[in-house]
């Protein structure tokens, strides 16, 4: 399989926040934003793998600013690192000022997807070759996040973390 660049999986979803999607303070429900992020990440993972993909975990979400009703929300997702059958997808959420057009980052998240066949069995995927400084930073961080996740799940001892490369690439 040929390696791909993160830009090959870039997915951008833009939508409007409607009153029925907001809480009593007229801000977008967190769960509604998570669903939008999951959809964008799913498309990015599918673009990278060209396989059926399933959400394995939501590793990190930061609700840094509220998203008021009427906001134009843009969600940008792309694969930050691919392992053997799983991939990490990094997602950034922006809102646009309706007057100036200025965009403000309000949220970010990290999702993990697994590529599967028609029976649900994990299948191997192409690797990622990061190009920009930000892509390289996220790519390198993905391995550390994967190691920590395995340690917390009890599947890896801290001193075994250096042996992960063989685990993911054999």
N, C-alpha and C. Protein backbone atom coordinates (compact mmCIF):
# COMPACT_ATOMS: atom_id res chain seq x y z
N UNK A 1 0.83 -1.18 0.00
CA UNK A 1 0.00 0.00 0.00
C UNK A 1 0.88 1.24 0.00
N UNK A 2 0.51 2.18 -0.82
CA UNK A 2 1.25 3.44 -0.87
C UNK A 2 0.85 4.34 0.30
N UNK A 3 1.85 5.01 0.87
CA UNK A 3 1.58 5.97 1.94
C UNK A 3 0.85 7.18 1.35
N UNK A 4 0.11 7.87 2.20
CA UNK A 4 -0.66 9.03 1.78
C UNK A 4 -0.31 10.22 2.67
N UNK A 5 -0.63 11.40 2.19
CA UNK A 5 -0.45 12.61 2.98
C UNK A 5 -1.73 12.91 3.74
N UNK A 6 -1.62 13.57 4.89
CA UNK A 6 -2.84 13.94 5.63
C UNK A 6 -3.83 14.75 4.80
N UNK A 7 -3.31 15.60 3.90
CA UNK A 7 -4.22 16.43 3.10
C UNK A 7 -5.15 15.60 2.22
N UNK A 8 -4.77 14.36 1.94
CA UNK A 8 -5.62 13.50 1.12
C UNK A 8 -6.92 13.13 1.83
N UNK A 9 -6.92 13.22 3.15
CA UNK A 9 -8.12 12.87 3.92
C UNK A 9 -8.89 14.09 4.41
N UNK A 10 -8.40 15.29 4.10
CA UNK A 10 -9.02 16.51 4.62
C UNK A 10 -10.52 16.54 4.32
N UNK A 11 -11.28 16.78 5.36
CA UNK A 11 -12.73 16.89 5.26
C UNK A 11 -13.15 18.18 5.94
N UNK A 12 -13.92 18.98 5.24
CA UNK A 12 -14.41 20.24 5.79
C UNK A 12 -15.93 20.25 5.71
N UNK A 13 -16.57 20.37 6.87
CA UNK A 13 -18.02 20.47 6.94
C UNK A 13 -18.38 21.85 7.49
N UNK A 14 -19.27 22.54 6.82
CA UNK A 14 -19.71 23.85 7.28
C UNK A 14 -21.23 23.81 7.45
N UNK A 15 -21.70 24.33 8.56
CA UNK A 15 -23.13 24.27 8.86
C UNK A 15 -23.51 25.46 9.74
N UNK A 16 -24.80 25.67 9.89
CA UNK A 16 -25.36 26.74 10.68
C UNK A 16 -25.94 26.16 11.96
N UNK A 17 -25.78 26.85 13.08
CA UNK A 17 -26.36 26.41 14.34
C UNK A 17 -27.78 26.94 14.43
N UNK A 18 -28.75 26.03 14.51
CA UNK A 18 -30.16 26.39 14.55
C UNK A 18 -30.69 26.36 15.99
N UNK A 19 -31.78 27.07 16.28
CA UNK A 19 -32.30 27.14 17.65
C UNK A 19 -32.61 25.78 18.28
N UNK A 20 -33.08 24.82 17.52
CA UNK A 20 -33.41 23.50 18.06
C UNK A 20 -32.19 22.68 18.46
N UNK A 21 -31.00 23.17 18.19
CA UNK A 21 -29.75 22.46 18.50
C UNK A 21 -29.02 23.08 19.69
N UNK A 22 -29.71 23.99 20.38
CA UNK A 22 -29.03 24.74 21.44
C UNK A 22 -29.66 24.49 22.81
N UNK A 23 -28.88 24.84 23.84
CA UNK A 23 -29.33 24.72 25.23
C UNK A 23 -30.06 25.99 25.67
N UNK A 24 -30.34 26.10 26.97
CA UNK A 24 -31.07 27.26 27.48
C UNK A 24 -30.30 28.57 27.36
N UNK A 25 -29.01 28.49 27.16
CA UNK A 25 -28.20 29.70 26.97
C UNK A 25 -28.02 30.04 25.50
N UNK A 26 -28.75 29.33 24.63
CA UNK A 26 -28.68 29.51 23.18
C UNK A 26 -27.30 29.20 22.61
N UNK A 27 -26.65 28.21 23.21
CA UNK A 27 -25.37 27.71 22.70
C UNK A 27 -25.56 26.27 22.23
N UNK A 28 -24.81 25.87 21.22
CA UNK A 28 -24.90 24.53 20.65
C UNK A 28 -24.67 23.48 21.73
N UNK A 29 -25.55 22.46 21.76
CA UNK A 29 -25.35 21.34 22.67
C UNK A 29 -24.00 20.68 22.38
N UNK A 30 -23.28 20.29 23.43
CA UNK A 30 -22.01 19.60 23.26
C UNK A 30 -22.16 18.31 22.48
N UNK A 31 -23.23 17.56 22.76
CA UNK A 31 -23.46 16.30 22.05
C UNK A 31 -23.70 16.50 20.57
N UNK A 32 -24.37 17.59 20.22
CA UNK A 32 -24.60 17.90 18.80
C UNK A 32 -23.27 18.19 18.11
N UNK A 33 -22.40 18.93 18.79
CA UNK A 33 -21.09 19.22 18.21
C UNK A 33 -20.27 17.94 18.08
N UNK A 34 -20.33 17.08 19.09
CA UNK A 34 -19.59 15.81 19.02
C UNK A 34 -20.06 14.97 17.83
N UNK A 35 -21.36 14.94 17.57
CA UNK A 35 -21.87 14.18 16.44
C UNK A 35 -21.37 14.74 15.12
N UNK A 36 -21.34 16.05 15.00
CA UNK A 36 -20.82 16.68 13.78
C UNK A 36 -19.34 16.36 13.60
N UNK A 37 -18.60 16.42 14.70
CA UNK A 37 -17.17 16.11 14.65
C UNK A 37 -16.96 14.65 14.24
N UNK A 38 -17.76 13.75 14.80
CA UNK A 38 -17.64 12.32 14.49
C UNK A 38 -17.91 12.08 13.00
N UNK A 39 -18.91 12.74 12.45
CA UNK A 39 -19.20 12.58 11.01
C UNK A 39 -18.03 13.05 10.16
N UNK A 40 -17.46 14.21 10.48
CA UNK A 40 -16.34 14.72 9.70
C UNK A 40 -15.13 13.79 9.82
N UNK A 41 -14.87 13.31 11.02
CA UNK A 41 -13.74 12.40 11.23
C UNK A 41 -13.96 11.08 10.50
N UNK A 42 -15.19 10.60 10.49
CA UNK A 42 -15.51 9.36 9.79
C UNK A 42 -15.24 9.49 8.30
N UNK A 43 -15.62 10.61 7.73
CA UNK A 43 -15.37 10.84 6.30
C UNK A 43 -13.87 10.90 6.04
N UNK A 44 -13.13 11.60 6.91
CA UNK A 44 -11.67 11.69 6.74
C UNK A 44 -11.03 10.31 6.82
N UNK A 45 -11.46 9.49 7.79
CA UNK A 45 -10.90 8.14 7.94
C UNK A 45 -11.23 7.29 6.72
N UNK A 46 -12.43 7.43 6.21
CA UNK A 46 -12.83 6.66 5.01
C UNK A 46 -12.01 7.11 3.80
N UNK A 47 -11.80 8.41 3.67
CA UNK A 47 -10.98 8.91 2.55
C UNK A 47 -9.57 8.36 2.61
N UNK A 48 -9.03 8.26 3.82
CA UNK A 48 -7.67 7.73 3.93
C UNK A 48 -7.62 6.24 3.62
N UNK A 49 -8.50 5.49 4.25
CA UNK A 49 -8.41 4.03 4.16
C UNK A 49 -9.12 3.43 2.96
N UNK A 50 -10.13 4.14 2.45
CA UNK A 50 -11.00 3.60 1.39
C UNK A 50 -11.64 2.29 1.82
N UNK A 51 -11.92 2.20 3.12
CA UNK A 51 -12.54 1.03 3.74
C UNK A 51 -13.72 1.50 4.60
N UNK A 52 -14.52 0.55 5.05
CA UNK A 52 -15.52 0.85 6.06
C UNK A 52 -14.76 1.22 7.33
N UNK A 53 -15.22 2.25 8.03
CA UNK A 53 -14.54 2.65 9.26
C UNK A 53 -15.55 2.74 10.40
N UNK A 54 -15.08 2.42 11.59
CA UNK A 54 -15.91 2.52 12.78
C UNK A 54 -15.17 3.35 13.83
N UNK A 55 -15.92 4.12 14.58
CA UNK A 55 -15.33 4.91 15.66
C UNK A 55 -14.90 3.97 16.77
N UNK A 56 -13.63 4.01 17.13
CA UNK A 56 -13.12 3.17 18.22
C UNK A 56 -13.11 3.94 19.53
N UNK A 57 -12.76 5.23 19.46
CA UNK A 57 -12.76 6.03 20.68
C UNK A 57 -12.72 7.52 20.34
N UNK A 58 -13.19 8.28 21.31
CA UNK A 58 -13.01 9.72 21.29
C UNK A 58 -11.98 9.97 22.37
N UNK A 59 -10.76 10.27 21.93
CA UNK A 59 -9.64 10.32 22.85
C UNK A 59 -9.53 11.64 23.60
N UNK A 60 -9.99 12.69 22.97
CA UNK A 60 -9.84 14.01 23.59
C UNK A 60 -10.80 14.97 22.91
N UNK A 61 -11.48 15.75 23.71
CA UNK A 61 -12.30 16.84 23.20
C UNK A 61 -12.13 18.01 24.15
N UNK A 62 -11.91 19.18 23.60
CA UNK A 62 -11.79 20.38 24.43
C UNK A 62 -12.84 21.39 23.97
N UNK A 63 -13.80 21.68 24.84
CA UNK A 63 -14.80 22.71 24.54
C UNK A 63 -14.24 24.03 25.07
N UNK A 64 -13.52 24.73 24.22
CA UNK A 64 -12.83 25.94 24.66
C UNK A 64 -13.72 27.17 24.68
N UNK A 65 -14.68 27.24 23.75
CA UNK A 65 -15.59 28.39 23.68
C UNK A 65 -16.96 27.88 23.28
N UNK A 66 -17.98 28.60 23.72
CA UNK A 66 -19.34 28.22 23.34
C UNK A 66 -19.60 28.59 21.89
N UNK A 67 -20.60 27.93 21.31
CA UNK A 67 -20.98 28.14 19.92
C UNK A 67 -22.41 28.65 19.92
N UNK A 68 -22.61 29.96 19.76
CA UNK A 68 -23.95 30.53 19.86
C UNK A 68 -24.85 30.20 18.67
N UNK A 69 -26.15 30.23 18.94
CA UNK A 69 -27.13 30.02 17.89
C UNK A 69 -26.87 31.02 16.76
N UNK A 70 -27.05 30.57 15.54
CA UNK A 70 -26.81 31.41 14.37
C UNK A 70 -25.38 31.39 13.86
N UNK A 71 -24.49 30.75 14.61
CA UNK A 71 -23.08 30.69 14.19
C UNK A 71 -22.92 29.82 12.95
N UNK A 72 -21.97 30.22 12.14
CA UNK A 72 -21.52 29.36 11.05
C UNK A 72 -20.35 28.56 11.61
N UNK A 73 -20.50 27.24 11.64
CA UNK A 73 -19.50 26.35 12.22
C UNK A 73 -18.80 25.59 11.10
N UNK A 74 -17.48 25.59 11.14
CA UNK A 74 -16.68 24.84 10.18
C UNK A 74 -15.86 23.81 10.94
N UNK A 75 -15.99 22.57 10.51
CA UNK A 75 -15.27 21.46 11.15
C UNK A 75 -14.27 20.92 10.13
N UNK A 76 -13.00 20.89 10.51
CA UNK A 76 -11.93 20.41 9.64
C UNK A 76 -11.29 19.18 10.28
N UNK A 77 -11.33 18.07 9.56
CA UNK A 77 -10.78 16.82 10.08
C UNK A 77 -9.82 16.22 9.07
N UNK A 78 -8.74 15.62 9.58
CA UNK A 78 -7.85 14.85 8.71
C UNK A 78 -7.07 13.85 9.54
N UNK A 79 -6.69 12.77 8.89
CA UNK A 79 -5.95 11.72 9.58
C UNK A 79 -4.57 12.26 9.97
N UNK A 80 -4.24 12.10 11.25
CA UNK A 80 -2.94 12.58 11.72
C UNK A 80 -1.91 11.46 11.77
N UNK A 81 -2.38 10.21 11.94
CA UNK A 81 -1.45 9.08 11.91
C UNK A 81 -2.24 7.80 11.66
N UNK A 82 -1.65 6.92 10.88
CA UNK A 82 -2.25 5.61 10.64
C UNK A 82 -1.34 4.55 11.24
N UNK A 83 -1.96 3.59 11.91
CA UNK A 83 -1.23 2.46 12.46
C UNK A 83 -1.54 1.26 11.56
N UNK A 84 -1.58 0.08 12.09
CA UNK A 84 -1.80 -1.09 11.24
C UNK A 84 -3.23 -1.13 10.68
N UNK A 85 -4.22 -1.03 11.55
CA UNK A 85 -5.62 -1.05 11.12
C UNK A 85 -6.39 0.16 11.64
N UNK A 86 -5.78 0.90 12.55
CA UNK A 86 -6.45 2.06 13.14
C UNK A 86 -5.80 3.35 12.69
N UNK A 87 -6.54 4.41 12.86
CA UNK A 87 -6.00 5.72 12.51
C UNK A 87 -6.53 6.77 13.47
N UNK A 88 -5.67 7.72 13.77
CA UNK A 88 -6.06 8.84 14.60
C UNK A 88 -6.48 9.97 13.67
N UNK A 89 -7.61 10.60 13.99
CA UNK A 89 -8.10 11.72 13.21
C UNK A 89 -8.18 12.93 14.13
N UNK A 90 -7.53 13.99 13.73
CA UNK A 90 -7.53 15.23 14.50
C UNK A 90 -8.57 16.15 13.88
N UNK A 91 -9.35 16.81 14.71
CA UNK A 91 -10.44 17.67 14.22
C UNK A 91 -10.37 19.02 14.91
N UNK A 92 -10.50 20.07 14.11
CA UNK A 92 -10.54 21.45 14.61
C UNK A 92 -11.91 22.04 14.28
N UNK A 93 -12.46 22.81 15.21
CA UNK A 93 -13.77 23.42 15.02
C UNK A 93 -13.61 24.94 15.10
N UNK A 94 -14.18 25.62 14.11
CA UNK A 94 -14.09 27.07 13.99
C UNK A 94 -15.49 27.67 13.90
N UNK A 95 -15.65 28.88 14.43
CA UNK A 95 -16.86 29.64 14.14
C UNK A 95 -16.44 30.91 13.42
N UNK A 96 -17.34 31.37 12.60
CA UNK A 96 -17.06 32.53 11.76
C UNK A 96 -17.90 33.71 12.21
N UNK A 97 -17.25 34.85 12.43
CA UNK A 97 -17.97 36.08 12.75
C UNK A 97 -18.76 36.49 11.51
N UNK A 98 -20.06 36.66 11.67
CA UNK A 98 -20.91 36.95 10.50
C UNK A 98 -20.66 38.32 9.91
N UNK A 99 -20.13 39.23 10.70
CA UNK A 99 -19.87 40.58 10.19
C UNK A 99 -18.52 40.68 9.48
N UNK A 100 -17.46 40.22 10.16
CA UNK A 100 -16.11 40.39 9.62
C UNK A 100 -15.62 39.19 8.82
N UNK A 101 -16.21 38.02 9.06
CA UNK A 101 -15.71 36.80 8.42
C UNK A 101 -14.53 36.19 9.16
N UNK A 102 -14.10 36.82 10.24
CA UNK A 102 -12.97 36.31 11.04
C UNK A 102 -13.34 34.98 11.66
N UNK A 103 -12.43 34.01 11.58
CA UNK A 103 -12.67 32.69 12.17
C UNK A 103 -11.95 32.56 13.50
N UNK A 104 -12.65 31.93 14.46
CA UNK A 104 -12.10 31.68 15.79
C UNK A 104 -12.18 30.19 16.07
N UNK A 105 -11.07 29.61 16.51
CA UNK A 105 -11.08 28.19 16.88
C UNK A 105 -11.78 28.05 18.23
N UNK A 106 -12.81 27.19 18.26
CA UNK A 106 -13.58 27.03 19.49
C UNK A 106 -13.46 25.64 20.11
N UNK A 107 -12.96 24.69 19.35
CA UNK A 107 -12.95 23.32 19.84
C UNK A 107 -11.94 22.53 19.05
N UNK A 108 -11.49 21.43 19.62
CA UNK A 108 -10.66 20.46 18.91
C UNK A 108 -10.89 19.10 19.53
N UNK A 109 -10.58 18.09 18.78
CA UNK A 109 -10.76 16.75 19.29
C UNK A 109 -9.87 15.76 18.57
N UNK A 110 -9.74 14.59 19.16
CA UNK A 110 -8.96 13.51 18.58
C UNK A 110 -9.81 12.24 18.64
N UNK A 111 -10.06 11.67 17.51
CA UNK A 111 -10.87 10.46 17.40
C UNK A 111 -9.99 9.33 16.86
N UNK A 112 -10.34 8.10 17.21
CA UNK A 112 -9.66 6.93 16.65
C UNK A 112 -10.69 6.10 15.91
N UNK A 113 -10.33 5.71 14.69
CA UNK A 113 -11.17 4.86 13.86
C UNK A 113 -10.41 3.61 13.49
N UNK A 114 -11.15 2.53 13.25
CA UNK A 114 -10.58 1.28 12.77
C UNK A 114 -11.21 0.97 11.44
N UNK A 115 -10.38 0.58 10.48
CA UNK A 115 -10.86 0.15 9.17
C UNK A 115 -11.24 -1.32 9.25
N UNK A 116 -12.41 -1.66 8.72
CA UNK A 116 -12.88 -3.04 8.79
C UNK A 116 -13.41 -3.50 7.43
N UNK A 117 -13.51 -4.82 7.27
CA UNK A 117 -14.13 -5.37 6.07
C UNK A 117 -15.63 -5.52 6.31
N UNK A 118 -16.31 -6.14 5.37
CA UNK A 118 -17.77 -6.29 5.44
C UNK A 118 -18.24 -7.13 6.62
N UNK A 119 -17.35 -7.92 7.20
CA UNK A 119 -17.71 -8.75 8.35
C UNK A 119 -17.33 -8.10 9.67
N UNK A 120 -16.73 -6.92 9.61
CA UNK A 120 -16.31 -6.22 10.82
C UNK A 120 -14.91 -6.55 11.28
N UNK A 121 -14.18 -7.33 10.48
CA UNK A 121 -12.80 -7.70 10.83
C UNK A 121 -11.85 -6.56 10.44
N UNK A 122 -10.96 -6.13 11.35
CA UNK A 122 -10.01 -5.07 11.02
C UNK A 122 -9.13 -5.43 9.82
N UNK A 123 -8.87 -4.42 8.99
CA UNK A 123 -8.04 -4.61 7.79
C UNK A 123 -6.92 -3.58 7.78
N UNK A 124 -5.82 -3.95 7.17
CA UNK A 124 -4.64 -3.09 7.11
C UNK A 124 -4.90 -1.87 6.24
N UNK A 125 -4.27 -0.75 6.62
CA UNK A 125 -4.45 0.51 5.90
C UNK A 125 -3.10 1.12 5.54
N UNK A 126 -3.14 2.09 4.65
CA UNK A 126 -1.93 2.81 4.24
C UNK A 126 -1.41 3.69 5.38
N UNK A 127 -0.12 3.93 5.36
CA UNK A 127 0.51 4.81 6.34
C UNK A 127 0.37 6.26 5.92
N UNK A 128 0.75 7.15 6.82
CA UNK A 128 0.69 8.60 6.60
C UNK A 128 2.11 9.15 6.54
N UNK A 129 2.33 10.07 5.64
CA UNK A 129 3.58 10.82 5.61
C UNK A 129 3.23 12.30 5.83
N UNK A 130 3.48 12.80 7.04
CA UNK A 130 3.14 14.20 7.33
C UNK A 130 4.02 15.15 6.53
N UNK A 131 3.46 16.29 6.16
CA UNK A 131 4.20 17.26 5.35
C UNK A 131 4.47 18.57 6.07
N UNK A 132 3.46 19.14 6.71
CA UNK A 132 3.64 20.44 7.37
C UNK A 132 4.16 20.25 8.79
N UNK A 133 4.60 21.34 9.40
CA UNK A 133 5.08 21.27 10.78
C UNK A 133 3.97 20.81 11.72
N UNK A 134 2.76 21.33 11.53
CA UNK A 134 1.64 20.92 12.38
C UNK A 134 1.32 19.45 12.18
N UNK A 135 1.33 18.97 10.94
CA UNK A 135 1.08 17.56 10.67
C UNK A 135 2.14 16.67 11.33
N UNK A 136 3.41 17.11 11.30
CA UNK A 136 4.49 16.35 11.93
C UNK A 136 4.32 16.32 13.44
N UNK A 137 3.91 17.44 14.01
CA UNK A 137 3.69 17.52 15.45
C UNK A 137 2.55 16.57 15.87
N UNK A 138 1.46 16.60 15.13
CA UNK A 138 0.32 15.74 15.45
C UNK A 138 0.66 14.26 15.20
N UNK A 139 1.41 13.98 14.16
CA UNK A 139 1.84 12.62 13.83
C UNK A 139 2.68 12.05 14.98
N UNK A 140 3.67 12.80 15.44
CA UNK A 140 4.52 12.34 16.54
C UNK A 140 3.74 12.19 17.83
N UNK A 141 2.84 13.12 18.10
CA UNK A 141 2.02 13.04 19.30
C UNK A 141 1.10 11.84 19.30
N UNK A 142 0.66 11.41 18.12
CA UNK A 142 -0.26 10.28 18.01
C UNK A 142 0.35 9.01 18.59
N UNK A 143 1.64 8.79 18.36
CA UNK A 143 2.29 7.59 18.89
C UNK A 143 2.31 7.64 20.42
N UNK A 144 2.63 8.81 20.97
CA UNK A 144 2.64 8.94 22.43
C UNK A 144 1.24 8.73 23.01
N UNK A 145 0.22 9.26 22.33
CA UNK A 145 -1.15 9.06 22.80
C UNK A 145 -1.54 7.58 22.72
N UNK A 146 -1.11 6.90 21.68
CA UNK A 146 -1.41 5.47 21.52
C UNK A 146 -0.73 4.67 22.64
N UNK A 147 0.51 5.00 22.92
CA UNK A 147 1.24 4.32 24.00
C UNK A 147 0.53 4.52 25.34
N UNK A 148 0.16 5.76 25.63
CA UNK A 148 -0.52 6.05 26.90
C UNK A 148 -1.85 5.31 26.98
N UNK A 149 -2.58 5.28 25.90
CA UNK A 149 -3.86 4.58 25.87
C UNK A 149 -3.69 3.09 26.18
N UNK A 150 -2.67 2.48 25.58
CA UNK A 150 -2.41 1.06 25.82
C UNK A 150 -1.95 0.81 27.26
N UNK A 151 -1.17 1.72 27.80
CA UNK A 151 -0.72 1.59 29.19
C UNK A 151 -1.92 1.70 30.13
N UNK A 152 -2.78 2.68 29.92
CA UNK A 152 -3.95 2.87 30.78
C UNK A 152 -4.93 1.69 30.68
N UNK A 153 -4.98 1.06 29.51
CA UNK A 153 -5.87 -0.10 29.32
C UNK A 153 -5.25 -1.38 29.87
N UNK A 154 -4.01 -1.31 30.35
CA UNK A 154 -3.34 -2.48 30.89
C UNK A 154 -2.81 -3.43 29.83
N UNK A 155 -2.76 -2.97 28.59
CA UNK A 155 -2.28 -3.82 27.49
C UNK A 155 -0.79 -3.63 27.23
N UNK A 156 -0.19 -2.69 27.93
CA UNK A 156 1.22 -2.39 27.72
C UNK A 156 1.80 -1.84 29.01
N UNK A 157 2.98 -2.35 29.37
CA UNK A 157 3.68 -1.83 30.53
C UNK A 157 4.50 -0.62 30.08
N UNK A 158 4.68 0.36 30.95
CA UNK A 158 5.42 1.56 30.56
C UNK A 158 6.78 1.27 29.92
N UNK A 159 7.50 0.25 30.41
CA UNK A 159 8.83 -0.04 29.85
C UNK A 159 8.74 -0.73 28.50
N UNK A 160 7.56 -1.19 28.10
CA UNK A 160 7.39 -1.83 26.79
C UNK A 160 7.05 -0.82 25.70
N UNK A 161 6.82 0.43 26.06
CA UNK A 161 6.40 1.43 25.10
C UNK A 161 7.38 1.60 23.95
N UNK A 162 8.64 1.38 24.19
CA UNK A 162 9.64 1.53 23.13
C UNK A 162 9.54 0.42 22.09
N UNK A 163 8.85 -0.66 22.43
CA UNK A 163 8.71 -1.78 21.50
C UNK A 163 7.44 -1.68 20.64
N UNK A 164 6.75 -0.56 20.71
CA UNK A 164 5.48 -0.41 20.00
C UNK A 164 5.62 -0.44 18.48
N UNK A 165 6.71 0.00 17.97
CA UNK A 165 6.84 0.05 16.52
C UNK A 165 6.61 -1.33 15.91
N UNK A 166 7.18 -2.34 16.49
CA UNK A 166 6.99 -3.71 15.97
C UNK A 166 5.53 -4.13 16.10
N UNK A 167 4.87 -3.72 17.18
CA UNK A 167 3.47 -4.08 17.40
C UNK A 167 2.58 -3.49 16.31
N UNK A 168 2.86 -2.29 15.89
CA UNK A 168 1.98 -1.62 14.92
C UNK A 168 2.34 -1.88 13.47
N UNK A 169 3.55 -2.27 13.19
CA UNK A 169 3.96 -2.35 11.79
C UNK A 169 4.30 -3.75 11.32
N UNK A 170 4.06 -4.75 12.14
CA UNK A 170 4.32 -6.13 11.68
C UNK A 170 3.09 -6.71 11.03
